[in-house]
Amino acid sequence: EDLNGRLDRAIRNTTHSTEKETFLALQNEV
């Protein structure tokens, strides 16, 4: 839950679409 929450915050805070896609993929991996 902590790792998923950190990825949630990273997704919300990033302004780069490529980085957002990377974080979403990592969230799916979790």
All heavy atoms as atom14 arrays in JSON, in Angstrom:
{
  "sequence": "EDLNGRLDRAIRNTTHSTEKETFLALQNEV",
  "atom14_mask": [
    [1, 1, 1, 1, 1, 1, 1, 1, 1, 0, 0, 0, 0, 0],
    [1, 1, 1, 1, 1, 1, 1, 1, 0, 0, 0, 0, 0, 0],
    [1, 1, 1, 1, 1, 1, 1, 1, 0, 0, 0, 0, 0, 0],
    [1, 1, 1, 1, 1, 1, 1, 1, 0, 0, 0, 0, 0, 0],
    [1, 1, 1, 1, 0, 0, 0, 0, 0, 0, 0, 0, 0, 0],
    [1, 1, 1, 1, 1, 1, 1, 1, 1, 1, 1, 0, 0, 0],
    [1, 1, 1, 1, 1, 1, 1, 1, 0, 0, 0, 0, 0, 0],
    [1, 1, 1, 1, 1, 1, 1, 1, 0, 0, 0, 0, 0, 0],
    [1, 1, 1, 1, 1, 1, 1, 1, 1, 1, 1, 0, 0, 0],
    [1, 1, 1, 1, 1, 0, 0, 0, 0, 0, 0, 0, 0, 0],
    [1, 1, 1, 1, 1, 1, 1, 1, 0, 0, 0, 0, 0, 0],
    [1, 1, 1, 1, 1, 1, 1, 1, 1, 1, 1, 0, 0, 0],
    [1, 1, 1, 1, 1, 1, 1, 1, 0, 0, 0, 0, 0, 0],
    [1, 1, 1, 1, 1, 1, 1, 0, 0, 0, 0, 0, 0, 0],
    [1, 1, 1, 1, 1, 1, 1, 0, 0, 0, 0, 0, 0, 0],
    [1, 1, 1, 1, 1, 1, 1, 1, 1, 1, 0, 0, 0, 0],
    [1, 1, 1, 1, 1, 1, 0, 0, 0, 0, 0, 0, 0, 0],
    [1, 1, 1, 1, 1, 1, 1, 0, 0, 0, 0, 0, 0, 0],
    [1, 1, 1, 1, 1, 1, 1, 1, 1, 0, 0, 0, 0, 0],
    [1, 1, 1, 1, 1, 1, 1, 1, 1, 0, 0, 0, 0, 0],
    [1, 1, 1, 1, 1, 1, 1, 1, 1, 0, 0, 0, 0, 0],
    [1, 1, 1, 1, 1, 1, 1, 0, 0, 0, 0, 0, 0, 0],
    [1, 1, 1, 1, 1, 1, 1, 1, 1, 1, 1, 0, 0, 0],
    [1, 1, 1, 1, 1, 1, 1, 1, 0, 0, 0, 0, 0, 0],
    [1, 1, 1, 1, 1, 0, 0, 0, 0, 0, 0, 0, 0, 0],
    [1, 1, 1, 1, 1, 1, 1, 1, 0, 0, 0, 0, 0, 0],
    [1, 1, 1, 1, 1, 1, 1, 1, 1, 0, 0, 0, 0, 0],
    [1, 1, 1, 1, 1, 1, 1, 1, 0, 0, 0, 0, 0, 0],
    [1, 1, 1, 1, 1, 1, 1, 1, 1, 0, 0, 0, 0, 0],
    [1, 1, 1, 1, 1, 1, 1, 0, 0, 0, 0, 0, 0, 0]
  ],
  "atom14_positions": [
    [[0.82, -1.21, 0.0], [0.0, 0.0, 0.0], [0.85, 1.26, 0.0], [0.52, 2.24, -0.67], [-0.93, -0.02, 1.21], [-2.03, -1.07, 1.13], [-2.94, -1.07, 2.34], [-2.48, -0.71, 3.44], [-4.11, -1.45, 2.18], [0.0, 0.0, 0.0], [0.0, 0.0, 0.0], [0.0, 0.0, 0.0], [0.0, 0.0, 0.0], [0.0, 0.0, 0.0]],
    [[1.96, 1.23, 0.76], [2.85, 2.39, 0.79], [3.46, 2.64, -0.58], [3.49, 3.78, -1.06], [3.94, 2.17, 1.83], [4.97, 3.3, 1.84], [4.63, 4.41, 2.32], [6.1, 3.1, 1.34], [0.0, 0.0, 0.0], [0.0, 0.0, 0.0], [0.0, 0.0, 0.0], [0.0, 0.0, 0.0], [0.0, 0.0, 0.0], [0.0, 0.0, 0.0]],
    [[3.94, 1.58, -1.22], [4.57, 1.73, -2.53], [3.55, 2.18, -3.57], [3.84, 3.06, -4.4], [5.21, 0.41, -2.94], [6.01, 0.4, -4.24], [7.06, 1.51, -4.25], [6.67, -0.95, -4.44], [0.0, 0.0, 0.0], [0.0, 0.0, 0.0], [0.0, 0.0, 0.0], [0.0, 0.0, 0.0], [0.0, 0.0, 0.0], [0.0, 0.0, 0.0]],
    [[2.35, 1.62, -3.53], [1.3, 2.04, -4.46], [0.92, 3.5, -4.24], [0.7, 4.25, -5.19], [0.07, 1.15, -4.28], [-1.01, 1.43, -5.31], [-0.87, 1.13, -6.49], [-2.11, 2.04, -4.85], [0.0, 0.0, 0.0], [0.0, 0.0, 0.0], [0.0, 0.0, 0.0], [0.0, 0.0, 0.0], [0.0, 0.0, 0.0], [0.0, 0.0, 0.0]],
    [[0.86, 3.92, -2.96], [0.55, 5.32, -2.66], [1.62, 6.28, -3.14], [1.33, 7.38, -3.63], [0.0, 0.0, 0.0], [0.0, 0.0, 0.0], [0.0, 0.0, 0.0], [0.0, 0.0, 0.0], [0.0, 0.0, 0.0], [0.0, 0.0, 0.0], [0.0, 0.0, 0.0], [0.0, 0.0, 0.0], [0.0, 0.0, 0.0], [0.0, 0.0, 0.0]],
    [[2.9, 5.89, -2.99], [4.0, 6.73, -3.49], [3.91, 6.88, -5.01], [4.16, 7.97, -5.55], [5.34, 6.12, -3.09], [5.68, 6.26, -1.61], [7.04, 5.65, -1.29], [7.36, 5.79, 0.11], [7.9, 6.87, 0.65], [8.18, 7.93, -0.11], [8.17, 6.93, 1.95], [0.0, 0.0, 0.0], [0.0, 0.0, 0.0], [0.0, 0.0, 0.0]],
    [[3.58, 5.79, -5.68], [3.42, 5.88, -7.13], [2.23, 6.74, -7.52], [2.28, 7.48, -8.51], [3.27, 4.47, -7.72], [4.59, 3.68, -7.84], [4.33, 2.2, -8.02], [5.41, 4.23, -9.0], [0.0, 0.0, 0.0], [0.0, 0.0, 0.0], [0.0, 0.0, 0.0], [0.0, 0.0, 0.0], [0.0, 0.0, 0.0], [0.0, 0.0, 0.0]],
    [[1.15, 6.68, -6.74], [0.0, 7.57, -6.97], [0.43, 9.03, -6.93], [0.07, 9.84, -7.79], [-1.07, 7.33, -5.9], [-2.16, 6.39, -6.38], [-2.33, 6.24, -7.59], [-2.83, 5.79, -5.52], [0.0, 0.0, 0.0], [0.0, 0.0, 0.0], [0.0, 0.0, 0.0], [0.0, 0.0, 0.0], [0.0, 0.0, 0.0], [0.0, 0.0, 0.0]],
    [[1.2, 9.37, -5.88], [1.66, 10.77, -5.73], [2.6, 11.16, -6.87], [2.53, 12.29, -7.39], [2.35, 10.95, -4.38], [1.39, 10.88, -3.19], [2.05, 11.36, -1.9], [3.1, 10.43, -1.49], [2.9, 9.36, -0.75], [1.66, 9.05, -0.36], [3.91, 8.59, -0.39], [0.0, 0.0, 0.0], [0.0, 0.0, 0.0], [0.0, 0.0, 0.0]],
    [[3.47, 10.23, -7.27], [4.39, 10.53, -8.36], [3.64, 10.77, -9.67], [4.0, 11.66, -10.45], [5.38, 9.37, -8.52], [0.0, 0.0, 0.0], [0.0, 0.0, 0.0], [0.0, 0.0, 0.0], [0.0, 0.0, 0.0], [0.0, 0.0, 0.0], [0.0, 0.0, 0.0], [0.0, 0.0, 0.0], [0.0, 0.0, 0.0], [0.0, 0.0, 0.0]],
    [[2.58, 10.01, -9.89], [1.76, 10.18, -11.1], [1.08, 11.55, -11.09], [1.02, 12.25, -12.11], [0.72, 9.05, -11.2], [1.42, 7.72, -11.5], [-0.32, 9.35, -12.27], [0.54, 6.49, -11.3], [0.0, 0.0, 0.0], [0.0, 0.0, 0.0], [0.0, 0.0, 0.0], [0.0, 0.0, 0.0], [0.0, 0.0, 0.0], [0.0, 0.0, 0.0]],
    [[0.55, 11.93, -9.93], [-0.14, 13.23, -9.83], [0.84, 14.41, -9.98], [0.47, 15.46, -10.52], [-0.87, 13.34, -8.5], [-2.07, 12.43, -8.36], [-2.95, 12.87, -7.19], [-2.21, 12.89, -5.93], [-2.13, 11.86, -5.09], [-2.75, 10.72, -5.4], [-1.46, 11.96, -3.97], [0.0, 0.0, 0.0], [0.0, 0.0, 0.0], [0.0, 0.0, 0.0]],
    [[2.06, 14.24, -9.49], [3.0, 15.36, -9.44], [3.8, 15.58, -10.73], [4.32, 16.67, -10.96], [4.0, 15.16, -8.28], [3.32, 15.25, -6.92], [2.26, 15.88, -6.8], [3.91, 14.64, -5.91], [0.0, 0.0, 0.0], [0.0, 0.0, 0.0], [0.0, 0.0, 0.0], [0.0, 0.0, 0.0], [0.0, 0.0, 0.0], [0.0, 0.0, 0.0]],
    [[3.9, 14.55, -11.54], [4.69, 14.71, -12.76], [3.93, 15.48, -13.83], [2.7, 15.4, -13.93], [5.12, 13.34, -13.31], [6.01, 13.55, -14.42], [3.92, 12.54, -13.8], [0.0, 0.0, 0.0], [0.0, 0.0, 0.0], [0.0, 0.0, 0.0], [0.0, 0.0, 0.0], [0.0, 0.0, 0.0], [0.0, 0.0, 0.0], [0.0, 0.0, 0.0]],
    [[4.68, 16.23, -14.62], [4.09, 16.99, -15.73], [4.5, 16.4, -17.07], [4.12, 16.94, -18.12], [4.52, 18.47, -15.67], [5.96, 18.54, -15.69], [3.99, 19.13, -14.4], [0.0, 0.0, 0.0], [0.0, 0.0, 0.0], [0.0, 0.0, 0.0], [0.0, 0.0, 0.0], [0.0, 0.0, 0.0], [0.0, 0.0, 0.0], [0.0, 0.0, 0.0]],
    [[5.27, 15.33, -17.04], [5.76, 14.71, -18.27], [4.95, 13.45, -18.58], [4.84, 12.55, -17.75], [7.24, 14.35, -18.13], [8.11, 15.53, -17.81], [8.4, 16.51, -18.72], [8.74, 15.9, -16.64], [9.17, 17.43, -18.16], [9.39, 17.07, -16.9], [0.0, 0.0, 0.0], [0.0, 0.0, 0.0], [0.0, 0.0, 0.0], [0.0, 0.0, 0.0]],
    [[4.4, 13.39, -19.77], [3.55, 12.25, -20.13], [4.32, 10.93, -20.15], [3.79, 9.9, -19.73], [2.91, 12.5, -21.5], [3.92, 12.67, -22.5], [0.0, 0.0, 0.0], [0.0, 0.0, 0.0], [0.0, 0.0, 0.0], [0.0, 0.0, 0.0], [0.0, 0.0, 0.0], [0.0, 0.0, 0.0], [0.0, 0.0, 0.0], [0.0, 0.0, 0.0]],
    [[5.57, 10.96, -20.6], [6.37, 9.73, -20.65], [6.63, 9.2, -19.24], [6.53, 8.0, -18.98], [7.71, 9.98, -21.36], [7.46, 10.45, -22.68], [8.53, 8.69, -21.42], [0.0, 0.0, 0.0], [0.0, 0.0, 0.0], [0.0, 0.0, 0.0], [0.0, 0.0, 0.0], [0.0, 0.0, 0.0], [0.0, 0.0, 0.0], [0.0, 0.0, 0.0]],
    [[6.95, 10.12, -18.33], [7.21, 9.73, -16.95], [5.94, 9.2, -16.29], [5.97, 8.23, -15.54], [7.75, 10.93, -16.16], [8.33, 10.55, -14.8], [9.0, 11.74, -14.13], [8.35, 12.82, -14.06], [10.14, 11.6, -13.67], [0.0, 0.0, 0.0], [0.0, 0.0, 0.0], [0.0, 0.0, 0.0], [0.0, 0.0, 0.0], [0.0, 0.0, 0.0]],
    [[4.82, 9.82, -16.62], [3.53, 9.36, -16.08], [3.24, 7.94, -16.55], [2.79, 7.09, -15.75], [2.41, 10.31, -16.51], [1.05, 9.95, -15.92], [0.01, 11.0, -16.29], [-1.33, 10.67, -15.65], [-2.35, 11.71, -15.96], [0.0, 0.0, 0.0], [0.0, 0.0, 0.0], [0.0, 0.0, 0.0], [0.0, 0.0, 0.0], [0.0, 0.0, 0.0]],
    [[3.47, 7.66, -17.82], [3.25, 6.32, -18.34], [4.15, 5.31, -17.65], [3.74, 4.18, -17.37], [3.5, 6.31, -19.86], [2.42, 7.03, -20.66], [2.75, 7.07, -22.14], [3.77, 6.46, -22.53], [1.98, 7.69, -22.9], [0.0, 0.0, 0.0], [0.0, 0.0, 0.0], [0.0, 0.0, 0.0], [0.0, 0.0, 0.0], [0.0, 0.0, 0.0]],
    [[5.39, 5.71, -17.37], [6.33, 4.82, -16.67], [5.83, 4.49, -15.27], [5.84, 3.33, -14.86], [7.72, 5.48, -16.58], [8.23, 5.69, -17.9], [8.69, 4.59, -15.81], [0.0, 0.0, 0.0], [0.0, 0.0, 0.0], [0.0, 0.0, 0.0], [0.0, 0.0, 0.0], [0.0, 0.0, 0.0], [0.0, 0.0, 0.0], [0.0, 0.0, 0.0]],
    [[5.37, 5.51, -14.55], [4.87, 5.29, -13.19], [3.6, 4.44, -13.19], [3.4, 3.61, -12.3], [4.62, 6.63, -12.49], [5.87, 7.38, -12.14], [5.89, 8.77, -12.13], [7.04, 6.72, -11.82], [7.04, 9.48, -11.81], [8.2, 7.41, -11.5], [8.2, 8.8, -11.49], [0.0, 0.0, 0.0], [0.0, 0.0, 0.0], [0.0, 0.0, 0.0]],
    [[2.72, 4.65, -14.17], [1.51, 3.82, -14.28], [1.88, 2.36, -14.53], [1.27, 1.45, -13.95], [0.62, 4.34, -15.41], [-0.18, 5.61, -15.12], [-0.8, 6.15, -16.4], [-1.27, 5.33, -14.08], [0.0, 0.0, 0.0], [0.0, 0.0, 0.0], [0.0, 0.0, 0.0], [0.0, 0.0, 0.0], [0.0, 0.0, 0.0], [0.0, 0.0, 0.0]],
    [[2.89, 2.14, -15.38], [3.34, 0.77, -15.64], [3.93, 0.14, -14.38], [3.71, -1.05, -14.1], [4.37, 0.77, -16.77], [0.0, 0.0, 0.0], [0.0, 0.0, 0.0], [0.0, 0.0, 0.0], [0.0, 0.0, 0.0], [0.0, 0.0, 0.0], [0.0, 0.0, 0.0], [0.0, 0.0, 0.0], [0.0, 0.0, 0.0], [0.0, 0.0, 0.0]],
    [[4.66, 0.92, -13.61], [5.23, 0.41, -12.36], [4.13, 0.1, -11.35], [4.23, -0.87, -10.59], [6.21, 1.44, -11.77], [7.53, 1.61, -12.53], [8.31, 2.81, -11.99], [8.37, 0.35, -12.42], [0.0, 0.0, 0.0], [0.0, 0.0, 0.0], [0.0, 0.0, 0.0], [0.0, 0.0, 0.0], [0.0, 0.0, 0.0], [0.0, 0.0, 0.0]],
    [[3.09, 0.92, -11.34], [1.96, 0.66, -10.44], [1.28, -0.66, -10.8], [0.89, -1.43, -9.91], [0.97, 1.82, -10.52], [0.02, 1.89, -9.34], [-0.75, 3.2, -9.32], [-1.28, 3.63, -10.34], [-0.81, 3.84, -8.17], [0.0, 0.0, 0.0], [0.0, 0.0, 0.0], [0.0, 0.0, 0.0], [0.0, 0.0, 0.0], [0.0, 0.0, 0.0]],
    [[1.14, -0.93, -12.08], [0.59, -2.22, -12.51], [1.5, -3.37, -12.1], [1.03, -4.46, -11.77], [0.37, -2.23, -14.02], [-0.81, -1.39, -14.46], [-1.77, -1.22, -13.7], [-0.76, -0.84, -15.66], [0.0, 0.0, 0.0], [0.0, 0.0, 0.0], [0.0, 0.0, 0.0], [0.0, 0.0, 0.0], [0.0, 0.0, 0.0], [0.0, 0.0, 0.0]],
    [[2.8, -3.13, -12.12], [3.75, -4.17, -11.73], [3.62, -4.49, -10.24], [3.72, -5.65, -9.84], [5.18, -3.71, -12.04], [6.24, -4.77, -11.81], [6.06, -6.01, -12.66], [5.51, -5.88, -13.78], [6.45, -7.1, -12.21], [0.0, 0.0, 0.0], [0.0, 0.0, 0.0], [0.0, 0.0, 0.0], [0.0, 0.0, 0.0], [0.0, 0.0, 0.0]],
    [[3.37, -3.46, -9.42], [3.15, -3.69, -7.99], [1.94, -4.6, -7.78], [1.97, -5.54, -6.98], [2.94, -2.35, -7.24], [2.54, -2.6, -5.78], [4.21, -1.52, -7.28], [0.0, 0.0, 0.0], [0.0, 0.0, 0.0], [0.0, 0.0, 0.0], [0.0, 0.0, 0.0], [0.0, 0.0, 0.0], [0.0, 0.0, 0.0], [0.0, 0.0, 0.0]]
  ]
}
